[in-house]
Amino acid sequence: MPPVAFGEALLAGIRLTLFSDDKPDRFFTIIKFWMDETSGGALSLRGGVPTYQVEDDSGHYLQFP
């Protein structure tokens, strides 16, 4: 898997691995990517906040950020 930057638009179905020094690697599948304009406005950003809805290997749905 090639590295990706946070905020990069990713298509549904792409699998990601998050690496951490203090936790085991975690695997996710992208469900949805969008730019959250509401959060961007609340943070006084000119654009939206990149947001991902993902599913982990155990079937749990998560949203970042």
Protein backbone atom coordinates (compact mmCIF):
# COMPACT_ATOMS: atom_id res chain seq x y z
CA MET A 1 0.00 0.00 0.00
CA PRO A 2 1.41 3.41 -0.88
CA PRO A 3 1.46 6.07 1.85
CA VAL A 4 -1.30 8.71 1.78
CA ALA A 5 -1.51 12.10 3.45
CA PHE A 6 -4.30 13.05 5.85
CA GLY A 7 -6.89 14.97 3.89
CA GLU A 8 -6.26 13.09 0.67
CA ALA A 9 -9.53 12.17 -1.03
CA LEU A 10 -9.84 8.39 -1.07
CA LEU A 11 -12.43 6.27 -2.82
CA ALA A 12 -14.75 3.93 -0.95
CA GLY A 13 -13.32 0.42 -0.66
CA ILE A 14 -9.67 1.45 -0.32
CA ARG A 15 -7.94 -0.33 2.59
CA LEU A 16 -5.66 1.62 4.93
CA THR A 17 -3.19 0.65 7.62
CA LEU A 18 -2.58 3.10 10.47
CA PHE A 19 0.83 2.72 12.08
CA SER A 20 1.56 3.74 15.65
CA ASP A 21 4.60 3.34 17.89
CA ASP A 22 2.51 2.48 20.94
CA LYS A 23 -0.32 0.42 19.38
CA PRO A 24 -0.52 -2.49 16.97
CA ASP A 25 -1.15 -1.65 13.32
CA ARG A 26 -4.84 -1.08 12.62
CA PHE A 27 -6.52 -1.88 9.32
CA PHE A 28 -9.46 0.12 7.97
CA THR A 29 -11.61 0.21 4.83
CA ILE A 30 -12.82 3.60 3.58
CA ILE A 31 -16.63 3.80 3.50
CA LYS A 32 -16.97 7.50 2.65
CA PHE A 33 -14.79 10.62 2.28
CA TRP A 34 -16.08 14.20 2.36
CA MET A 35 -15.05 17.75 3.22
CA ASP A 36 -17.03 18.77 6.30
CA GLU A 37 -17.82 22.44 5.66
CA THR A 38 -19.65 22.83 9.00
CA SER A 39 -16.60 21.79 11.04
CA GLY A 40 -14.40 23.97 8.84
CA GLY A 41 -16.57 26.99 9.59
CA ALA A 42 -16.59 26.25 13.31
CA LEU A 43 -12.78 26.12 13.25
CA SER A 44 -12.57 29.36 11.19
CA LEU A 45 -11.06 27.51 8.24
CA ARG A 46 -11.65 28.71 4.69
CA GLY A 47 -12.43 25.19 3.53
CA GLY A 48 -13.88 22.10 5.06
CA VAL A 49 -12.25 19.55 7.30
CA PRO A 50 -11.32 16.28 5.54
CA THR A 51 -13.48 13.57 7.09
CA TYR A 52 -13.43 9.81 6.62
CA GLN A 53 -16.00 7.20 7.62
CA VAL A 54 -14.22 3.85 7.90
CA GLU A 55 -14.83 0.28 9.01
CA ASP A 56 -12.17 -1.55 11.01
CA ASP A 57 -11.35 -5.25 10.77
CA SER A 58 -13.74 -6.11 13.59
CA GLY A 59 -16.70 -4.49 11.78
CA HIS A 60 -16.87 -1.28 13.84
CA TYR A 61 -17.62 1.98 12.04
CA LEU A 62 -15.53 5.01 12.93
CA GLN A 63 -15.27 8.58 11.72
CA PHE A 64 -12.10 10.70 11.50
CA PRO A 65 -11.57 13.34 12.69
